[in-house]
């Protein structure tokens, strides 16, 4: 019982530390952002942060409930969750590195923007979001409760779907036919599925 509690506390500390790193990176990016770029975010970043906060709150709270527990015990699910988290962080970092200076937290088209179709963007249009979703799925799994997984993933996935729509509208306006061609040969999040 004490081991399960320590495992959950480890997951909770990681979750808030990772959220803190993302927030810190966003603040640093704002300090050096391109002020000539027009934001096209339409509130999607705020919605995403609110949904992540709600998801974490629900997932953590229900992880302590006796219902919804995954069979096999906390240590097993902690390892499975950690594998998802590691894979998600790897994908997200690769996507951010591929975008380089074009990566922004807020949806905006920069003055010298170009459509990136290299690296993970060859197959999917939003690998950074896929990476984040895998990290969040890993957190839910590591909490070893089905309700935690659902409580975390449903609001965040809804926010990401809205954000993807907003981002693709901005890219389509800027790159017209080029983006349509690119979208025709790639998937949004999962190669071969969506």
N, C-alpha and C. Protein backbone atom coordinates (compact mmCIF):
# COMPACT_ATOMS: atom_id res chain seq x y z
N UNK A 1 0.82 -1.20 0.00
CA UNK A 1 0.00 0.00 0.00
C UNK A 1 0.86 1.27 0.00
N UNK A 2 1.90 1.28 0.86
CA UNK A 2 2.79 2.44 0.91
C UNK A 2 3.56 2.58 -0.40
N UNK A 3 3.95 1.42 -1.00
CA UNK A 3 4.63 1.45 -2.29
C UNK A 3 3.77 2.05 -3.39
N UNK A 4 2.47 1.69 -3.40
CA UNK A 4 1.54 2.24 -4.39
C UNK A 4 1.41 3.76 -4.21
N UNK A 5 1.34 4.20 -2.97
CA UNK A 5 1.23 5.63 -2.68
C UNK A 5 2.48 6.37 -3.17
N UNK A 6 3.64 5.79 -2.92
CA UNK A 6 4.89 6.42 -3.37
C UNK A 6 4.96 6.47 -4.90
N UNK A 7 4.50 5.40 -5.55
CA UNK A 7 4.48 5.38 -7.02
C UNK A 7 3.57 6.49 -7.54
N UNK A 8 2.40 6.63 -6.94
CA UNK A 8 1.46 7.68 -7.38
C UNK A 8 2.05 9.06 -7.14
N UNK A 9 2.71 9.24 -6.00
CA UNK A 9 3.33 10.53 -5.72
C UNK A 9 4.42 10.85 -6.73
N UNK A 10 5.17 9.84 -7.15
CA UNK A 10 6.19 10.01 -8.18
C UNK A 10 5.55 10.49 -9.48
N UNK A 11 4.45 9.87 -9.86
CA UNK A 11 3.74 10.25 -11.08
C UNK A 11 3.21 11.68 -10.96
N UNK A 12 2.66 12.02 -9.81
CA UNK A 12 2.11 13.36 -9.60
C UNK A 12 3.22 14.41 -9.68
N UNK A 13 4.35 14.15 -9.02
CA UNK A 13 5.47 15.09 -9.06
C UNK A 13 5.97 15.25 -10.49
N UNK A 14 6.12 14.14 -11.23
CA UNK A 14 6.54 14.23 -12.62
C UNK A 14 5.56 15.08 -13.43
N UNK A 15 4.25 14.83 -13.25
CA UNK A 15 3.22 15.53 -14.02
C UNK A 15 3.32 17.04 -13.86
N UNK A 16 3.43 17.48 -12.62
CA UNK A 16 3.49 18.91 -12.38
C UNK A 16 4.84 19.50 -12.78
N UNK A 17 5.91 18.73 -12.64
CA UNK A 17 7.22 19.20 -13.09
C UNK A 17 7.23 19.37 -14.61
N UNK A 18 6.66 18.39 -15.32
CA UNK A 18 6.63 18.48 -16.78
C UNK A 18 5.77 19.67 -17.22
N UNK A 19 4.63 19.84 -16.58
CA UNK A 19 3.77 21.00 -16.89
C UNK A 19 4.55 22.29 -16.63
N UNK A 20 5.33 22.32 -15.54
CA UNK A 20 6.13 23.49 -15.22
C UNK A 20 7.20 23.77 -16.26
N UNK A 21 7.85 22.72 -16.76
CA UNK A 21 8.86 22.88 -17.81
C UNK A 21 8.23 23.45 -19.07
N UNK A 22 7.07 22.92 -19.45
CA UNK A 22 6.39 23.44 -20.64
C UNK A 22 6.01 24.91 -20.45
N UNK A 23 5.50 25.27 -19.27
CA UNK A 23 5.13 26.66 -19.00
C UNK A 23 6.37 27.56 -19.02
N UNK A 24 7.46 27.10 -18.42
CA UNK A 24 8.70 27.87 -18.42
C UNK A 24 9.20 28.09 -19.85
N UNK A 25 9.18 27.04 -20.66
CA UNK A 25 9.61 27.16 -22.05
C UNK A 25 8.75 28.16 -22.82
N UNK A 26 7.45 28.16 -22.54
CA UNK A 26 6.58 29.11 -23.21
C UNK A 26 6.92 30.54 -22.80
N UNK A 27 7.17 30.76 -21.52
CA UNK A 27 7.53 32.11 -21.05
C UNK A 27 8.83 32.57 -21.71
N UNK A 28 9.82 31.68 -21.78
CA UNK A 28 11.09 32.03 -22.42
C UNK A 28 10.89 32.35 -23.90
N UNK A 29 10.02 31.59 -24.54
CA UNK A 29 9.76 31.83 -25.97
C UNK A 29 9.08 33.18 -26.18
N UNK A 30 8.19 33.56 -25.29
CA UNK A 30 7.51 34.85 -25.42
C UNK A 30 8.48 36.01 -25.35
N UNK A 31 9.56 35.85 -24.59
CA UNK A 31 10.56 36.91 -24.46
C UNK A 31 11.28 37.17 -25.77
N UNK A 32 11.41 36.14 -26.61
CA UNK A 32 12.16 36.30 -27.86
C UNK A 32 11.30 36.10 -29.10
N UNK A 33 10.00 36.21 -28.96
CA UNK A 33 9.10 35.92 -30.09
C UNK A 33 9.16 37.00 -31.17
N UNK A 34 8.70 36.60 -32.31
CA UNK A 34 8.59 37.49 -33.47
C UNK A 34 7.34 38.34 -33.29
N UNK A 35 7.51 39.60 -33.01
CA UNK A 35 6.37 40.48 -32.71
C UNK A 35 5.61 40.88 -33.98
N UNK A 36 6.16 40.57 -35.14
CA UNK A 36 5.46 40.91 -36.38
C UNK A 36 4.49 39.80 -36.79
N UNK A 37 4.59 38.65 -36.15
CA UNK A 37 3.71 37.53 -36.51
C UNK A 37 2.34 37.75 -35.89
N UNK A 38 1.32 37.55 -36.69
CA UNK A 38 -0.05 37.72 -36.22
C UNK A 38 -0.54 36.43 -35.56
N UNK A 39 -1.01 36.50 -34.30
CA UNK A 39 -1.52 35.29 -33.65
C UNK A 39 -2.80 34.80 -34.33
N UNK A 40 -2.92 33.49 -34.44
CA UNK A 40 -4.11 32.86 -35.04
C UNK A 40 -4.64 31.80 -34.08
N UNK A 41 -4.33 31.94 -32.81
CA UNK A 41 -4.55 30.91 -31.80
C UNK A 41 -6.03 30.66 -31.46
N UNK A 42 -6.85 31.72 -31.51
CA UNK A 42 -8.28 31.64 -31.21
C UNK A 42 -8.58 31.00 -29.85
N UNK A 43 -7.71 31.24 -28.88
CA UNK A 43 -7.93 30.74 -27.53
C UNK A 43 -7.61 29.28 -27.32
N UNK A 44 -7.03 28.62 -28.33
CA UNK A 44 -6.80 27.18 -28.21
C UNK A 44 -5.74 26.83 -27.17
N UNK A 45 -4.75 27.69 -26.96
CA UNK A 45 -3.72 27.41 -25.96
C UNK A 45 -4.30 27.50 -24.55
N UNK A 46 -5.11 28.52 -24.31
CA UNK A 46 -5.76 28.66 -23.00
C UNK A 46 -6.69 27.47 -22.76
N UNK A 47 -7.47 27.11 -23.76
CA UNK A 47 -8.36 25.95 -23.63
C UNK A 47 -7.56 24.69 -23.32
N UNK A 48 -6.45 24.51 -24.00
CA UNK A 48 -5.61 23.33 -23.77
C UNK A 48 -5.09 23.30 -22.33
N UNK A 49 -4.59 24.43 -21.83
CA UNK A 49 -4.09 24.48 -20.46
C UNK A 49 -5.20 24.21 -19.44
N UNK A 50 -6.37 24.76 -19.68
CA UNK A 50 -7.50 24.51 -18.77
C UNK A 50 -7.87 23.03 -18.77
N UNK A 51 -7.92 22.44 -19.96
CA UNK A 51 -8.27 21.01 -20.05
C UNK A 51 -7.20 20.12 -19.44
N UNK A 52 -5.93 20.49 -19.57
CA UNK A 52 -4.87 19.72 -18.92
C UNK A 52 -5.01 19.82 -17.41
N UNK A 53 -5.28 21.01 -16.89
CA UNK A 53 -5.45 21.18 -15.44
C UNK A 53 -6.64 20.38 -14.94
N UNK A 54 -7.75 20.42 -15.66
CA UNK A 54 -8.93 19.64 -15.28
C UNK A 54 -8.61 18.15 -15.35
N UNK A 55 -7.96 17.73 -16.43
CA UNK A 55 -7.60 16.33 -16.60
C UNK A 55 -6.71 15.82 -15.49
N UNK A 56 -5.67 16.58 -15.15
CA UNK A 56 -4.79 16.18 -14.05
C UNK A 56 -5.57 16.08 -12.74
N UNK A 57 -6.41 17.07 -12.48
CA UNK A 57 -7.18 17.08 -11.22
C UNK A 57 -8.06 15.84 -11.11
N UNK A 58 -8.78 15.53 -12.18
CA UNK A 58 -9.66 14.36 -12.18
C UNK A 58 -8.84 13.08 -12.07
N UNK A 59 -7.80 12.96 -12.90
CA UNK A 59 -7.00 11.74 -12.94
C UNK A 59 -6.36 11.43 -11.60
N UNK A 60 -5.81 12.44 -10.98
CA UNK A 60 -5.14 12.23 -9.70
C UNK A 60 -6.15 11.89 -8.61
N UNK A 61 -7.25 12.62 -8.58
CA UNK A 61 -8.26 12.37 -7.54
C UNK A 61 -8.83 10.96 -7.64
N UNK A 62 -9.21 10.53 -8.84
CA UNK A 62 -9.83 9.20 -8.96
C UNK A 62 -8.82 8.06 -8.87
N UNK A 63 -7.54 8.36 -9.01
CA UNK A 63 -6.54 7.30 -8.91
C UNK A 63 -6.51 6.69 -7.51
N UNK A 64 -6.98 7.43 -6.53
CA UNK A 64 -7.01 6.93 -5.15
C UNK A 64 -8.30 6.21 -4.81
N UNK A 65 -9.26 6.23 -5.74
CA UNK A 65 -10.55 5.56 -5.50
C UNK A 65 -10.40 4.05 -5.66
N UNK A 66 -11.23 3.29 -4.96
CA UNK A 66 -11.15 1.83 -5.09
C UNK A 66 -11.72 1.29 -6.40
N UNK A 67 -12.49 2.10 -7.13
CA UNK A 67 -13.06 1.64 -8.39
C UNK A 67 -12.15 2.01 -9.56
N UNK A 68 -12.18 1.19 -10.59
CA UNK A 68 -11.43 1.48 -11.80
C UNK A 68 -9.98 1.07 -11.78
N UNK A 69 -9.52 0.45 -10.74
CA UNK A 69 -8.10 0.08 -10.66
C UNK A 69 -7.75 -0.97 -11.71
N UNK A 70 -6.60 -0.80 -12.29
CA UNK A 70 -6.12 -1.75 -13.29
C UNK A 70 -5.57 -2.98 -12.60
N UNK A 71 -5.82 -4.16 -13.18
CA UNK A 71 -5.28 -5.38 -12.56
C UNK A 71 -3.76 -5.45 -12.71
N UNK A 72 -3.12 -6.13 -11.81
CA UNK A 72 -1.68 -6.34 -11.94
C UNK A 72 -0.84 -5.50 -11.01
N UNK A 73 -1.40 -4.51 -10.39
CA UNK A 73 -0.64 -3.74 -9.41
C UNK A 73 0.08 -2.53 -9.98
N UNK A 74 0.32 -1.59 -9.12
CA UNK A 74 0.92 -0.30 -9.46
C UNK A 74 2.30 -0.41 -10.11
N UNK A 75 3.22 -1.22 -9.59
CA UNK A 75 4.56 -1.21 -10.21
C UNK A 75 4.55 -1.56 -11.69
N UNK A 76 3.73 -2.52 -12.10
CA UNK A 76 3.64 -2.90 -13.51
C UNK A 76 3.16 -1.72 -14.34
N UNK A 77 2.06 -1.08 -13.91
CA UNK A 77 1.48 0.03 -14.68
C UNK A 77 2.37 1.26 -14.65
N UNK A 78 3.13 1.42 -13.58
CA UNK A 78 4.09 2.51 -13.52
C UNK A 78 5.13 2.35 -14.64
N UNK A 79 5.60 1.13 -14.85
CA UNK A 79 6.59 0.88 -15.91
C UNK A 79 5.98 1.07 -17.30
N UNK A 80 4.76 0.57 -17.50
CA UNK A 80 4.09 0.76 -18.80
C UNK A 80 3.88 2.25 -19.06
N UNK A 81 3.40 2.95 -18.04
CA UNK A 81 3.20 4.40 -18.17
C UNK A 81 4.50 5.13 -18.45
N UNK A 82 5.57 4.74 -17.76
CA UNK A 82 6.87 5.37 -17.96
C UNK A 82 7.36 5.17 -19.40
N UNK A 83 7.09 4.00 -19.97
CA UNK A 83 7.47 3.74 -21.37
C UNK A 83 6.70 4.67 -22.31
N UNK A 84 5.40 4.85 -22.07
CA UNK A 84 4.60 5.78 -22.89
C UNK A 84 5.12 7.21 -22.74
N UNK A 85 5.43 7.58 -21.51
CA UNK A 85 5.94 8.93 -21.25
C UNK A 85 7.26 9.14 -21.99
N UNK A 86 8.17 8.18 -21.89
CA UNK A 86 9.47 8.30 -22.56
C UNK A 86 9.29 8.40 -24.08
N UNK A 87 8.42 7.56 -24.64
CA UNK A 87 8.16 7.62 -26.07
C UNK A 87 7.54 8.95 -26.48
N UNK A 88 6.61 9.43 -25.68
CA UNK A 88 5.97 10.71 -25.97
C UNK A 88 6.93 11.88 -25.91
N UNK A 89 7.80 11.88 -24.89
CA UNK A 89 8.80 12.94 -24.78
C UNK A 89 9.78 12.90 -25.95
N UNK A 90 10.16 11.71 -26.39
CA UNK A 90 11.06 11.56 -27.52
C UNK A 90 10.42 12.11 -28.80
N UNK A 91 9.15 11.75 -29.03
CA UNK A 91 8.44 12.23 -30.23
C UNK A 91 8.28 13.75 -30.17
N UNK A 92 7.86 14.27 -29.02
CA UNK A 92 7.65 15.72 -28.88
C UNK A 92 8.96 16.48 -29.09
N UNK A 93 10.03 16.01 -28.47
CA UNK A 93 11.32 16.69 -28.63
C UNK A 93 11.77 16.65 -30.10
N UNK A 94 11.59 15.51 -30.75
CA UNK A 94 11.96 15.40 -32.16
C UNK A 94 11.17 16.37 -33.03
N UNK A 95 9.89 16.52 -32.72
CA UNK A 95 9.04 17.45 -33.49
C UNK A 95 9.48 18.89 -33.26
N UNK A 96 9.76 19.24 -32.01
CA UNK A 96 10.18 20.60 -31.70
C UNK A 96 11.53 20.90 -32.35
N UNK A 97 12.45 19.93 -32.31
CA UNK A 97 13.76 20.13 -32.92
C UNK A 97 13.65 20.28 -34.44
N UNK A 98 12.76 19.53 -35.05
CA UNK A 98 12.56 19.62 -36.51
C UNK A 98 12.01 20.99 -36.89
N UNK A 99 11.07 21.50 -36.10
CA UNK A 99 10.51 22.82 -36.39
C UNK A 99 11.52 23.94 -36.12
N UNK A 100 12.38 23.74 -35.14
CA UNK A 100 13.37 24.76 -34.79
C UNK A 100 12.72 26.09 -34.45
N UNK A 101 13.11 27.14 -35.14
CA UNK A 101 12.61 28.48 -34.85
C UNK A 101 11.12 28.64 -35.18
N UNK A 102 10.57 27.71 -35.95
CA UNK A 102 9.15 27.80 -36.28
C UNK A 102 8.25 27.23 -35.19
N UNK A 103 8.84 26.58 -34.19
CA UNK A 103 8.02 26.06 -33.09
C UNK A 103 7.56 27.21 -32.20
N UNK A 104 6.26 27.28 -31.97
CA UNK A 104 5.69 28.25 -31.03
C UNK A 104 4.60 27.56 -30.24
N UNK A 105 4.38 28.05 -29.04
CA UNK A 105 3.30 27.51 -28.22
C UNK A 105 1.96 28.06 -28.70
N UNK A 106 1.97 29.31 -29.13
CA UNK A 106 0.74 29.92 -29.63
C UNK A 106 0.69 29.73 -31.15
N UNK A 107 -0.49 29.41 -31.66
CA UNK A 107 -0.62 29.25 -33.11
C UNK A 107 -0.42 30.61 -33.76
N UNK A 108 0.64 30.69 -34.59
CA UNK A 108 0.90 31.93 -35.35
C UNK A 108 1.80 31.62 -36.51
N UNK A 109 1.62 32.38 -37.56
CA UNK A 109 2.46 32.26 -38.75
C UNK A 109 3.50 33.36 -38.67
N UNK A 110 4.76 32.99 -38.70
CA UNK A 110 5.84 33.96 -38.60
C UNK A 110 6.12 34.60 -39.95
N UNK A 111 6.85 35.70 -39.93
CA UNK A 111 7.07 36.46 -41.17
C UNK A 111 7.80 35.65 -42.23
N UNK A 112 8.73 34.80 -41.86
CA UNK A 112 9.48 34.01 -42.83
C UNK A 112 9.07 32.54 -42.79
N UNK A 113 7.87 32.28 -42.38
CA UNK A 113 7.40 30.91 -42.14
C UNK A 113 7.42 30.08 -43.42
N UNK A 114 7.73 28.81 -43.25
CA UNK A 114 7.60 27.87 -44.36
C UNK A 114 7.00 26.58 -43.80
N UNK A 115 6.39 25.81 -44.65
CA UNK A 115 5.75 24.56 -44.25
C UNK A 115 6.82 23.49 -44.10
N UNK A 116 6.90 22.88 -42.93
CA UNK A 116 7.90 21.85 -42.64
C UNK A 116 7.30 20.49 -42.96
N UNK A 117 8.01 19.73 -43.80
CA UNK A 117 7.55 18.40 -44.19
C UNK A 117 8.62 17.35 -43.97
N UNK A 118 9.62 17.65 -43.14
CA UNK A 118 10.74 16.74 -42.89
C UNK A 118 10.57 16.05 -41.54
N UNK A 119 11.47 15.11 -41.26
CA UNK A 119 11.47 14.41 -39.97
C UNK A 119 10.12 13.75 -39.70
N UNK A 120 9.61 13.89 -38.48
CA UNK A 120 8.33 13.24 -38.16
C UNK A 120 7.16 13.84 -38.93
N UNK A 121 7.36 15.02 -39.50
CA UNK A 121 6.29 15.69 -40.27
C UNK A 121 6.10 15.06 -41.65
N UNK A 122 6.96 14.13 -42.02
CA UNK A 122 6.76 13.43 -43.30
C UNK A 122 5.50 12.59 -43.27
N UNK A 123 5.19 12.02 -42.11
CA UNK A 123 4.05 11.10 -42.01
C UNK A 123 2.85 11.69 -41.29
N UNK A 124 3.11 12.52 -40.27
CA UNK A 124 1.99 13.10 -39.52
C UNK A 124 2.17 14.61 -39.39
N UNK A 125 1.04 15.30 -39.36
CA UNK A 125 1.08 16.76 -39.35
C UNK A 125 1.29 17.34 -37.95
N UNK A 126 1.02 16.57 -36.91
CA UNK A 126 1.11 17.11 -35.55
C UNK A 126 1.83 16.16 -34.59
N UNK A 127 3.10 15.84 -34.89
CA UNK A 127 3.81 14.90 -34.01
C UNK A 127 4.04 15.44 -32.60
N UNK A 128 4.17 16.75 -32.46
CA UNK A 128 4.34 17.32 -31.11
C UNK A 128 3.12 17.05 -30.25
N UNK A 129 1.93 17.16 -30.85
CA UNK A 129 0.70 16.88 -30.10
C UNK A 129 0.58 15.39 -29.81
N UNK A 130 0.99 14.56 -30.76
CA UNK A 130 1.00 13.12 -30.51
C UNK A 130 1.90 12.81 -29.32
N UNK A 131 3.08 13.43 -29.28
CA UNK A 131 4.00 13.23 -28.17
C UNK A 131 3.38 13.64 -26.84
N UNK A 132 2.74 14.80 -26.82
CA UNK A 132 2.08 15.24 -25.58
C UNK A 132 0.98 14.28 -25.16
N UNK A 133 0.19 13.83 -26.11
CA UNK A 133 -0.89 12.90 -25.78
C UNK A 133 -0.34 11.58 -25.24
N UNK A 134 0.78 11.11 -25.78
CA UNK A 134 1.39 9.89 -25.26
C UNK A 134 1.91 10.10 -23.84
N UNK A 135 2.47 11.27 -23.55
CA UNK A 135 2.92 11.57 -22.19
C UNK A 135 1.72 11.54 -21.24
N UNK A 136 0.64 12.18 -21.63
CA UNK A 136 -0.55 12.22 -20.77
C UNK A 136 -1.17 10.84 -20.61
N UNK A 137 -1.19 10.06 -21.68
CA UNK A 137 -1.67 8.68 -21.58
C UNK A 137 -0.79 7.90 -20.61
N UNK A 138 0.52 8.10 -20.72
CA UNK A 138 1.44 7.43 -19.81
C UNK A 138 1.20 7.81 -18.36
N UNK A 139 0.91 9.07 -18.11
CA UNK A 139 0.59 9.51 -16.75
C UNK A 139 -0.66 8.79 -16.26
N UNK A 140 -1.70 8.74 -17.10
CA UNK A 140 -2.94 8.04 -16.73
C UNK A 140 -2.70 6.57 -16.45
N UNK A 141 -1.92 5.92 -17.30
CA UNK A 141 -1.61 4.50 -17.10
C UNK A 141 -0.81 4.30 -15.82
N UNK A 142 0.17 5.17 -15.59
CA UNK A 142 1.02 5.04 -14.40
C UNK A 142 0.23 5.21 -13.11
N UNK A 143 -0.89 5.90 -13.18
CA UNK A 143 -1.76 6.03 -12.00
C UNK A 143 -2.58 4.76 -11.76
N UNK A 144 -2.53 3.83 -12.70
CA UNK A 144 -3.11 2.48 -12.56
C UNK A 144 -4.61 2.48 -12.32
N UNK A 145 -5.33 3.35 -13.05
CA UNK A 145 -6.78 3.41 -12.88
C UNK A 145 -7.40 3.82 -14.21
N UNK A 146 -8.38 3.03 -14.69
CA UNK A 146 -9.06 3.34 -15.94
C UNK A 146 -9.72 4.72 -15.90
N UNK A 147 -10.29 5.05 -14.76
CA UNK A 147 -10.95 6.34 -14.64
C UNK A 147 -9.95 7.49 -14.74
N UNK A 148 -8.73 7.26 -14.26
CA UNK A 148 -7.68 8.28 -14.40
C UNK A 148 -7.33 8.49 -15.86
N UNK A 149 -7.22 7.40 -16.61
CA UNK A 149 -6.90 7.50 -18.03
C UNK A 149 -8.00 8.27 -18.76
N UNK A 150 -9.23 7.89 -18.52
CA UNK A 150 -10.37 8.56 -19.19
C UNK A 150 -10.47 10.01 -18.75
N UNK A 151 -10.37 10.25 -17.43
CA UNK A 151 -10.48 11.61 -16.90
C UNK A 151 -9.41 12.55 -17.41
N UNK A 152 -8.25 12.01 -17.71
CA UNK A 152 -7.16 12.83 -18.22
C UNK A 152 -7.25 13.00 -19.74
N UNK A 153 -7.54 11.92 -20.44
CA UNK A 153 -7.48 11.95 -21.89
C UNK A 153 -8.67 12.63 -22.57
N UNK A 154 -9.86 12.46 -22.04
CA UNK A 154 -11.05 13.00 -22.73
C UNK A 154 -10.99 14.52 -22.87
N UNK A 155 -10.82 15.28 -21.78
CA UNK A 155 -10.80 16.74 -21.97
C UNK A 155 -9.60 17.22 -22.79
N UNK A 156 -8.44 16.59 -22.58
CA UNK A 156 -7.24 17.03 -23.29
C UNK A 156 -7.34 16.68 -24.78
N UNK A 157 -7.84 15.51 -25.09
CA UNK A 157 -8.00 15.15 -26.49
C UNK A 157 -8.98 16.09 -27.19
N UNK A 158 -10.06 16.45 -26.51
CA UNK A 158 -11.02 17.41 -27.10
C UNK A 158 -10.34 18.74 -27.38
N UNK A 159 -9.51 19.21 -26.45
CA UNK A 159 -8.80 20.48 -26.65
C UNK A 159 -7.80 20.38 -27.80
N UNK A 160 -7.09 19.26 -27.89
CA UNK A 160 -6.14 19.09 -28.98
C UNK A 160 -6.85 19.03 -30.34
N UNK A 161 -8.00 18.39 -30.39
CA UNK A 161 -8.72 18.34 -31.67
C UNK A 161 -9.13 19.74 -32.12
N UNK A 162 -9.56 20.58 -31.18
CA UNK A 162 -9.89 21.97 -31.51
C UNK A 162 -8.63 22.71 -31.98
N UNK A 163 -7.53 22.53 -31.24
CA UNK A 163 -6.28 23.21 -31.57
C UNK A 163 -5.76 22.78 -32.95
N UNK A 164 -5.87 21.52 -33.26
CA UNK A 164 -5.45 21.03 -34.57
C UNK A 164 -6.26 21.72 -35.67
N UNK A 165 -7.54 21.83 -35.44
CA UNK A 165 -8.40 22.50 -36.42
C UNK A 165 -7.97 23.96 -36.62
N UNK A 166 -7.73 24.66 -35.52
CA UNK A 166 -7.30 26.06 -35.58
C UNK A 166 -5.96 26.18 -36.32
N UNK A 167 -5.02 25.32 -35.96
CA UNK A 167 -3.70 25.37 -36.58
C UNK A 167 -3.76 25.06 -38.07
N UNK A 168 -4.54 24.06 -38.43
CA UNK A 168 -4.63 23.70 -39.85
C UNK A 168 -5.33 24.79 -40.66
N UNK A 169 -6.29 25.49 -40.07
CA UNK A 169 -6.91 26.61 -40.77
C UNK A 169 -5.89 27.71 -41.04
N UNK A 170 -5.05 27.99 -40.04
CA UNK A 170 -4.02 29.03 -40.22
C UNK A 170 -3.01 28.61 -41.29
N UNK A 171 -2.59 27.36 -41.26
CA UNK A 171 -1.64 26.87 -42.27
C UNK A 171 -2.25 26.86 -43.66
N UNK A 172 -3.50 26.49 -43.74
CA UNK A 172 -4.19 26.46 -45.05
C UNK A 172 -4.32 27.88 -45.62
N UNK A 173 -4.61 28.86 -44.77
CA UNK A 173 -4.69 30.24 -45.23
C UNK A 173 -3.34 30.73 -45.76
N UNK A 174 -2.26 30.36 -45.06
CA UNK A 174 -0.93 30.85 -45.42
C UNK A 174 -0.34 30.11 -46.62
N UNK A 175 -0.54 28.80 -46.67
CA UNK A 175 0.15 27.99 -47.67
C UNK A 175 -0.78 27.38 -48.72
N UNK A 176 -2.05 27.70 -48.68
CA UNK A 176 -3.07 27.30 -49.65
C UNK A 176 -2.85 25.91 -50.23
N UNK A 177 -2.59 25.81 -51.51
CA UNK A 177 -2.48 24.53 -52.19
C UNK A 177 -1.37 23.64 -51.65
N UNK A 178 -0.28 24.23 -51.21
CA UNK A 178 0.83 23.44 -50.67
C UNK A 178 0.37 22.67 -49.42
N UNK A 179 -0.39 23.32 -48.55
CA UNK A 179 -0.85 22.62 -47.35
C UNK A 179 -1.86 21.54 -47.71
N UNK A 180 -2.74 21.81 -48.65
CA UNK A 180 -3.72 20.80 -49.06
C UNK A 180 -3.04 19.55 -49.62
N UNK A 181 -1.98 19.75 -50.42
CA UNK A 181 -1.19 18.62 -50.94
C UNK A 181 -0.57 17.83 -49.79
N UNK A 182 0.04 18.55 -48.87
CA UNK A 182 0.68 17.95 -47.70
C UNK A 182 -0.33 17.18 -46.86
N UNK A 183 -1.49 17.79 -46.63
CA UNK A 183 -2.54 17.15 -45.82
C UNK A 183 -3.07 15.90 -46.52
N UNK A 184 -3.07 15.90 -47.84
CA UNK A 184 -3.56 14.75 -48.59
C UNK A 184 -2.68 13.52 -48.48
N UNK A 185 -1.42 13.70 -48.16
CA UNK A 185 -0.52 12.55 -48.07
C UNK A 185 -0.06 12.23 -46.64
N UNK A 186 -0.58 12.95 -45.65
CA UNK A 186 -0.22 12.71 -44.25
C UNK A 186 -1.47 12.54 -43.40
N UNK A 187 -1.28 12.00 -42.21
CA UNK A 187 -2.37 11.90 -41.22
C UNK A 187 -2.15 12.97 -40.16
N UNK A 188 -3.20 13.27 -39.42
CA UNK A 188 -3.07 14.30 -38.38
C UNK A 188 -2.21 13.83 -37.21
N UNK A 189 -2.55 12.69 -36.63
CA UNK A 189 -1.87 12.25 -35.40
C UNK A 189 -1.30 10.84 -35.46
N UNK A 190 -2.02 9.92 -36.07
CA UNK A 190 -1.63 8.51 -36.04
C UNK A 190 -1.48 8.02 -37.47
N UNK A 191 -0.25 7.65 -37.86
CA UNK A 191 -0.04 7.20 -39.24
C UNK A 191 -1.00 6.09 -39.65
N UNK A 192 -1.64 6.30 -40.79
CA UNK A 192 -2.55 5.29 -41.33
C UNK A 192 -3.96 5.28 -40.73
N UNK A 193 -4.16 6.02 -39.64
CA UNK A 193 -5.48 6.01 -38.99
C UNK A 193 -6.18 7.36 -38.98
N UNK A 194 -5.50 8.38 -38.43
CA UNK A 194 -6.14 9.69 -38.29
C UNK A 194 -5.09 10.76 -38.42
